Every structure is written in C-alpha cells, then in structure tokens.
Amino acid sequence: MDSYYHSHDLGKFTEMGKGNKALWEKFSAYYNAVFEEGALSEREKALIALAVAHTVQCPYCIDAYTQASLEQGSNIEEMTEAVHVACAIRGGASLVHGVQMRNVAEKLSM
C-alpha cells in the first residue's frame, strides 16, 4: 500500500527554497541558529525536537530528529522518555481543556 509520506521526500526539503529564495535563506539562517550549541546542548535540542516532532506528528521530523538524537549521543531509553514527556503534555493539554467543556455545559444547563 502506498503512503502519503515518503521517506525520500525529506531530502527534498531544501527545494522549498525554489519558490522564494530570500525567505528560504532567512528560515535556514534562523533554523541553523536555533540548533547551535547555546544554553542548551545540541543533544538536548535534538531530544526536544524529537519530542515536538511526535507532538506535531511530522513523520519527516521524527525521522530527522531520531537520527539527530542518535548522532548527538542519545540512546533509545532517553529518546523514548522524551516521547513520553511529549505524550504526557499533549494528554494533559487535552484534559485541561475539559474545563472549557464543563464551563459551557454548566452554562447551557442553567
């Protein structure tokens, strides 16, 4: 069965610059600066990106930041824990929005 996402498409990411080179260059400069060593190590940033990739459910990002995390010295246990942190935050965010549901239900039940 064919898939909407193809792993080889990740390598075509830079082609997005063909439509507007100036914007691509600005994005690339910002992106590269974000992932440079700073207050957080490159390893920590890769783990954060891996967790966010799971939250936004981007298969290309999951592939890229799984590889980046491994290259920066993370192991499968650390990576799995990062994914679980993302899961807990996403689940908690869904649950806390239940307060909004309860507020509306209470208002409409009056």
N, C-alpha and C. Protein backbone atom coordinates (compact mmCIF):
# COMPACT_ATOMS: atom_id res chain seq x y z
N MET A 1 0.84 -1.17 0.00
CA MET A 1 0.00 0.00 0.00
C MET A 1 0.89 1.24 0.00
N ASP A 2 0.55 2.18 -0.84
CA ASP A 2 1.31 3.42 -0.93
C ASP A 2 1.00 4.31 0.26
N SER A 3 1.93 5.15 0.60
CA SER A 3 1.78 6.06 1.74
C SER A 3 1.82 7.50 1.25
N TYR A 4 1.13 8.36 1.96
CA TYR A 4 1.14 9.78 1.63
C TYR A 4 2.52 10.37 1.85
N TYR A 5 3.20 9.89 2.88
CA TYR A 5 4.55 10.34 3.20
C TYR A 5 5.56 9.35 2.63
N HIS A 6 6.63 9.88 2.06
CA HIS A 6 7.70 9.06 1.52
C HIS A 6 9.00 9.53 2.15
N SER A 7 9.74 8.63 2.75
CA SER A 7 10.96 8.99 3.47
C SER A 7 11.96 9.73 2.59
N HIS A 8 12.00 9.41 1.31
CA HIS A 8 12.95 10.09 0.43
C HIS A 8 12.60 11.57 0.23
N ASP A 9 11.36 11.95 0.53
CA ASP A 9 10.96 13.36 0.39
C ASP A 9 11.67 14.27 1.39
N LEU A 10 12.12 13.73 2.51
CA LEU A 10 12.84 14.54 3.49
C LEU A 10 14.06 15.18 2.85
N GLY A 11 14.69 14.47 1.95
CA GLY A 11 15.86 15.01 1.26
C GLY A 11 15.53 16.13 0.30
N LYS A 12 14.26 16.32 0.01
CA LYS A 12 13.82 17.39 -0.89
C LYS A 12 13.45 18.67 -0.14
N PHE A 13 13.65 18.67 1.16
CA PHE A 13 13.24 19.81 1.99
C PHE A 13 13.79 21.14 1.47
N THR A 14 15.05 21.13 1.07
CA THR A 14 15.67 22.37 0.61
C THR A 14 15.04 22.90 -0.68
N GLU A 15 14.31 22.05 -1.39
CA GLU A 15 13.64 22.50 -2.60
C GLU A 15 12.57 23.55 -2.30
N MET A 16 12.17 23.66 -1.04
CA MET A 16 11.19 24.68 -0.67
C MET A 16 11.74 26.08 -0.92
N GLY A 17 13.05 26.19 -1.03
CA GLY A 17 13.66 27.48 -1.32
C GLY A 17 13.48 27.94 -2.75
N LYS A 18 13.07 27.04 -3.62
CA LYS A 18 12.91 27.40 -5.03
C LYS A 18 11.78 28.40 -5.26
N GLY A 19 10.79 28.40 -4.40
CA GLY A 19 9.66 29.31 -4.59
C GLY A 19 9.95 30.73 -4.12
N ASN A 20 10.85 30.86 -3.15
CA ASN A 20 11.21 32.18 -2.64
C ASN A 20 12.54 32.04 -1.92
N LYS A 21 13.60 32.29 -2.66
CA LYS A 21 14.96 32.08 -2.14
C LYS A 21 15.24 32.93 -0.91
N ALA A 22 14.80 34.19 -0.92
CA ALA A 22 15.08 35.09 0.21
C ALA A 22 14.45 34.58 1.49
N LEU A 23 13.21 34.15 1.43
CA LEU A 23 12.55 33.63 2.63
C LEU A 23 13.18 32.33 3.09
N TRP A 24 13.55 31.47 2.14
CA TRP A 24 14.21 30.21 2.50
C TRP A 24 15.53 30.49 3.22
N GLU A 25 16.30 31.44 2.72
CA GLU A 25 17.58 31.77 3.34
C GLU A 25 17.38 32.31 4.75
N LYS A 26 16.35 33.12 4.95
CA LYS A 26 16.05 33.64 6.30
C LYS A 26 15.63 32.51 7.23
N PHE A 27 14.76 31.63 6.73
CA PHE A 27 14.34 30.49 7.54
C PHE A 27 15.54 29.62 7.88
N SER A 28 16.37 29.32 6.91
CA SER A 28 17.53 28.45 7.12
C SER A 28 18.50 29.05 8.13
N ALA A 29 18.73 30.35 8.04
CA ALA A 29 19.64 31.00 8.98
C ALA A 29 19.08 30.91 10.40
N TYR A 30 17.79 31.17 10.54
CA TYR A 30 17.15 31.08 11.85
C TYR A 30 17.19 29.65 12.38
N TYR A 31 16.79 28.70 11.55
CA TYR A 31 16.75 27.29 11.92
C TYR A 31 18.12 26.81 12.39
N ASN A 32 19.15 27.14 11.61
CA ASN A 32 20.51 26.72 11.96
C ASN A 32 20.97 27.37 13.26
N ALA A 33 20.62 28.63 13.47
CA ALA A 33 21.00 29.32 14.71
C ALA A 33 20.31 28.68 15.91
N VAL A 34 19.05 28.30 15.75
CA VAL A 34 18.31 27.68 16.85
C VAL A 34 19.00 26.40 17.32
N PHE A 35 19.51 25.61 16.39
CA PHE A 35 20.08 24.31 16.74
C PHE A 35 21.56 24.34 17.08
N GLU A 36 22.17 25.53 17.07
CA GLU A 36 23.57 25.64 17.51
C GLU A 36 23.64 25.49 19.03
N GLU A 37 24.80 25.05 19.49
CA GLU A 37 25.05 24.96 20.93
C GLU A 37 24.84 26.32 21.55
N GLY A 38 24.12 26.36 22.64
CA GLY A 38 23.87 27.60 23.37
C GLY A 38 23.68 27.26 24.83
N ALA A 39 22.64 27.83 25.45
CA ALA A 39 22.33 27.47 26.83
C ALA A 39 21.98 25.99 26.91
N LEU A 40 21.42 25.47 25.83
CA LEU A 40 21.14 24.04 25.71
C LEU A 40 22.16 23.42 24.75
N SER A 41 22.52 22.19 25.03
CA SER A 41 23.45 21.48 24.14
C SER A 41 22.72 21.06 22.86
N GLU A 42 23.48 20.75 21.83
CA GLU A 42 22.88 20.25 20.59
C GLU A 42 22.12 18.94 20.86
N ARG A 43 22.64 18.14 21.78
CA ARG A 43 21.98 16.89 22.15
C ARG A 43 20.63 17.16 22.78
N GLU A 44 20.58 18.11 23.72
CA GLU A 44 19.31 18.46 24.36
C GLU A 44 18.30 19.01 23.35
N LYS A 45 18.79 19.84 22.46
CA LYS A 45 17.90 20.41 21.44
C LYS A 45 17.35 19.33 20.51
N ALA A 46 18.17 18.36 20.17
CA ALA A 46 17.70 17.26 19.32
C ALA A 46 16.60 16.46 20.03
N LEU A 47 16.77 16.22 21.33
CA LEU A 47 15.73 15.49 22.10
C LEU A 47 14.44 16.30 22.19
N ILE A 48 14.56 17.60 22.39
CA ILE A 48 13.37 18.45 22.41
C ILE A 48 12.68 18.39 21.05
N ALA A 49 13.45 18.51 19.99
CA ALA A 49 12.89 18.45 18.64
C ALA A 49 12.21 17.11 18.38
N LEU A 50 12.81 16.04 18.88
CA LEU A 50 12.20 14.71 18.72
C LEU A 50 10.85 14.65 19.42
N ALA A 51 10.78 15.18 20.63
CA ALA A 51 9.52 15.18 21.36
C ALA A 51 8.47 16.04 20.65
N VAL A 52 8.87 17.22 20.20
CA VAL A 52 7.94 18.10 19.48
C VAL A 52 7.49 17.44 18.17
N ALA A 53 8.40 16.76 17.50
CA ALA A 53 8.06 16.07 16.25
C ALA A 53 6.93 15.08 16.47
N HIS A 54 6.95 14.40 17.60
CA HIS A 54 5.88 13.46 17.91
C HIS A 54 4.58 14.20 18.24
N THR A 55 4.71 15.34 18.89
CA THR A 55 3.53 16.12 19.25
C THR A 55 2.83 16.65 18.00
N VAL A 56 3.60 17.16 17.04
CA VAL A 56 3.01 17.68 15.81
C VAL A 56 2.80 16.58 14.77
N GLN A 57 3.24 15.38 15.09
CA GLN A 57 3.06 14.19 14.27
C GLN A 57 3.61 14.34 12.84
N CYS A 58 4.84 14.84 12.77
CA CYS A 58 5.51 15.00 11.48
C CYS A 58 6.46 13.83 11.26
N PRO A 59 6.13 12.91 10.36
CA PRO A 59 6.99 11.75 10.15
C PRO A 59 8.39 12.12 9.66
N TYR A 60 8.49 13.19 8.87
CA TYR A 60 9.81 13.62 8.41
C TYR A 60 10.65 14.10 9.58
N CYS A 61 10.03 14.87 10.47
CA CYS A 61 10.74 15.37 11.65
C CYS A 61 11.12 14.23 12.59
N ILE A 62 10.23 13.26 12.73
CA ILE A 62 10.54 12.11 13.58
C ILE A 62 11.77 11.39 13.04
N ASP A 63 11.81 11.18 11.74
CA ASP A 63 12.98 10.54 11.13
C ASP A 63 14.24 11.38 11.36
N ALA A 64 14.14 12.67 11.06
CA ALA A 64 15.31 13.55 11.14
C ALA A 64 15.83 13.66 12.57
N TYR A 65 14.93 13.81 13.55
CA TYR A 65 15.40 14.02 14.92
C TYR A 65 15.67 12.73 15.67
N THR A 66 15.19 11.61 15.17
CA THR A 66 15.66 10.33 15.69
C THR A 66 17.13 10.18 15.32
N GLN A 67 17.43 10.45 14.06
CA GLN A 67 18.81 10.37 13.60
C GLN A 67 19.68 11.40 14.32
N ALA A 68 19.21 12.64 14.43
CA ALA A 68 20.00 13.68 15.10
C ALA A 68 20.25 13.33 16.57
N SER A 69 19.24 12.80 17.24
CA SER A 69 19.41 12.42 18.64
C SER A 69 20.47 11.34 18.79
N LEU A 70 20.42 10.35 17.92
CA LEU A 70 21.43 9.29 17.97
C LEU A 70 22.82 9.84 17.67
N GLU A 71 22.90 10.71 16.67
CA GLU A 71 24.20 11.29 16.30
C GLU A 71 24.76 12.17 17.42
N GLN A 72 23.90 12.75 18.22
CA GLN A 72 24.34 13.62 19.33
C GLN A 72 24.60 12.83 20.61
N GLY A 73 24.45 11.50 20.54
CA GLY A 73 24.81 10.66 21.66
C GLY A 73 23.67 10.20 22.55
N SER A 74 22.44 10.48 22.17
CA SER A 74 21.31 9.98 22.96
C SER A 74 21.12 8.50 22.68
N ASN A 75 20.46 7.83 23.62
CA ASN A 75 20.16 6.42 23.43
C ASN A 75 18.65 6.22 23.37
N ILE A 76 18.24 5.03 23.05
CA ILE A 76 16.82 4.74 22.86
C ILE A 76 16.01 4.98 24.14
N GLU A 77 16.61 4.75 25.30
CA GLU A 77 15.90 4.98 26.56
C GLU A 77 15.60 6.48 26.73
N GLU A 78 16.59 7.33 26.48
CA GLU A 78 16.38 8.77 26.58
C GLU A 78 15.37 9.26 25.55
N MET A 79 15.48 8.75 24.34
CA MET A 79 14.57 9.16 23.28
C MET A 79 13.14 8.74 23.60
N THR A 80 12.98 7.53 24.10
CA THR A 80 11.65 7.04 24.47
C THR A 80 11.07 7.90 25.59
N GLU A 81 11.89 8.25 26.56
CA GLU A 81 11.42 9.09 27.66
C GLU A 81 10.99 10.46 27.14
N ALA A 82 11.73 11.02 26.20
CA ALA A 82 11.36 12.31 25.61
C ALA A 82 10.00 12.22 24.92
N VAL A 83 9.76 11.12 24.22
CA VAL A 83 8.47 10.92 23.56
C VAL A 83 7.35 10.80 24.59
N HIS A 84 7.63 10.14 25.70
CA HIS A 84 6.62 10.03 26.76
C HIS A 84 6.33 11.39 27.41
N VAL A 85 7.35 12.23 27.54
CA VAL A 85 7.11 13.59 28.06
C VAL A 85 6.16 14.32 27.12
N ALA A 86 6.41 14.23 25.83
CA ALA A 86 5.52 14.87 24.85
C ALA A 86 4.10 14.33 24.96
N CYS A 87 3.98 13.03 25.13
CA CYS A 87 2.68 12.38 25.27
C CYS A 87 1.95 12.89 26.51
N ALA A 88 2.66 13.00 27.62
CA ALA A 88 2.04 13.46 28.86
C ALA A 88 1.56 14.90 28.74
N ILE A 89 2.36 15.75 28.11
CA ILE A 89 1.96 17.15 27.94
C ILE A 89 0.77 17.25 27.00
N ARG A 90 0.80 16.50 25.92
CA ARG A 90 -0.32 16.54 24.96
C ARG A 90 -1.59 16.00 25.61
N GLY A 91 -1.48 14.92 26.36
CA GLY A 91 -2.64 14.36 27.04
C GLY A 91 -3.18 15.30 28.10
N GLY A 92 -2.27 15.90 28.87
CA GLY A 92 -2.69 16.84 29.89
C GLY A 92 -3.36 18.07 29.30
N ALA A 93 -2.85 18.53 28.16
CA ALA A 93 -3.46 19.69 27.49
C ALA A 93 -4.87 19.36 27.02
N SER A 94 -5.08 18.15 26.56
CA SER A 94 -6.43 17.74 26.17
C SER A 94 -7.35 17.70 27.38
N LEU A 95 -6.87 17.14 28.47
CA LEU A 95 -7.69 17.04 29.67
C LEU A 95 -8.02 18.40 30.27
N VAL A 96 -7.06 19.30 30.31
CA VAL A 96 -7.33 20.60 30.92
C VAL A 96 -8.35 21.39 30.11
N HIS A 97 -8.44 21.12 28.82
CA HIS A 97 -9.48 21.76 28.01
C HIS A 97 -10.87 21.23 28.37
N GLY A 98 -10.90 20.15 29.12
CA GLY A 98 -12.18 19.66 29.64
C GLY A 98 -12.84 20.67 30.55
N VAL A 99 -12.05 21.54 31.16
CA VAL A 99 -12.61 22.61 31.98
C VAL A 99 -13.50 23.51 31.11
N GLN A 100 -13.05 23.80 29.91
CA GLN A 100 -13.85 24.60 28.97
C GLN A 100 -15.17 23.89 28.67
N MET A 101 -15.11 22.59 28.43
CA MET A 101 -16.32 21.82 28.17
C MET A 101 -17.27 21.89 29.35
N ARG A 102 -16.71 21.74 30.54
CA ARG A 102 -17.55 21.79 31.74
C ARG A 102 -18.16 23.17 31.92
N ASN A 103 -17.40 24.22 31.65
CA ASN A 103 -17.95 25.58 31.77
C ASN A 103 -19.11 25.79 30.82
N VAL A 104 -18.97 25.35 29.59
CA VAL A 104 -20.03 25.50 28.59
C VAL A 104 -21.23 24.65 28.99
N ALA A 105 -20.99 23.41 29.40
CA ALA A 105 -22.09 22.52 29.80
C ALA A 105 -22.86 23.12 30.98
N GLU A 106 -22.14 23.65 31.95
CA GLU A 106 -22.80 24.26 33.11
C GLU A 106 -23.62 25.48 32.69
N LYS A 107 -23.07 26.29 31.81
CA LYS A 107 -23.78 27.48 31.33
C LYS A 107 -25.06 27.10 30.59
N LEU A 108 -24.95 26.10 29.73
CA LEU A 108 -26.13 25.68 28.93
C LEU A 108 -27.14 24.92 29.76
N SER A 109 -26.71 24.34 30.87
CA SER A 109 -27.62 23.58 31.72
C SER A 109 -28.43 24.47 32.66
N MET A 110 -28.10 25.73 32.74
CA MET A 110 -28.79 26.65 33.67
C MET A 110 -30.23 26.90 33.27
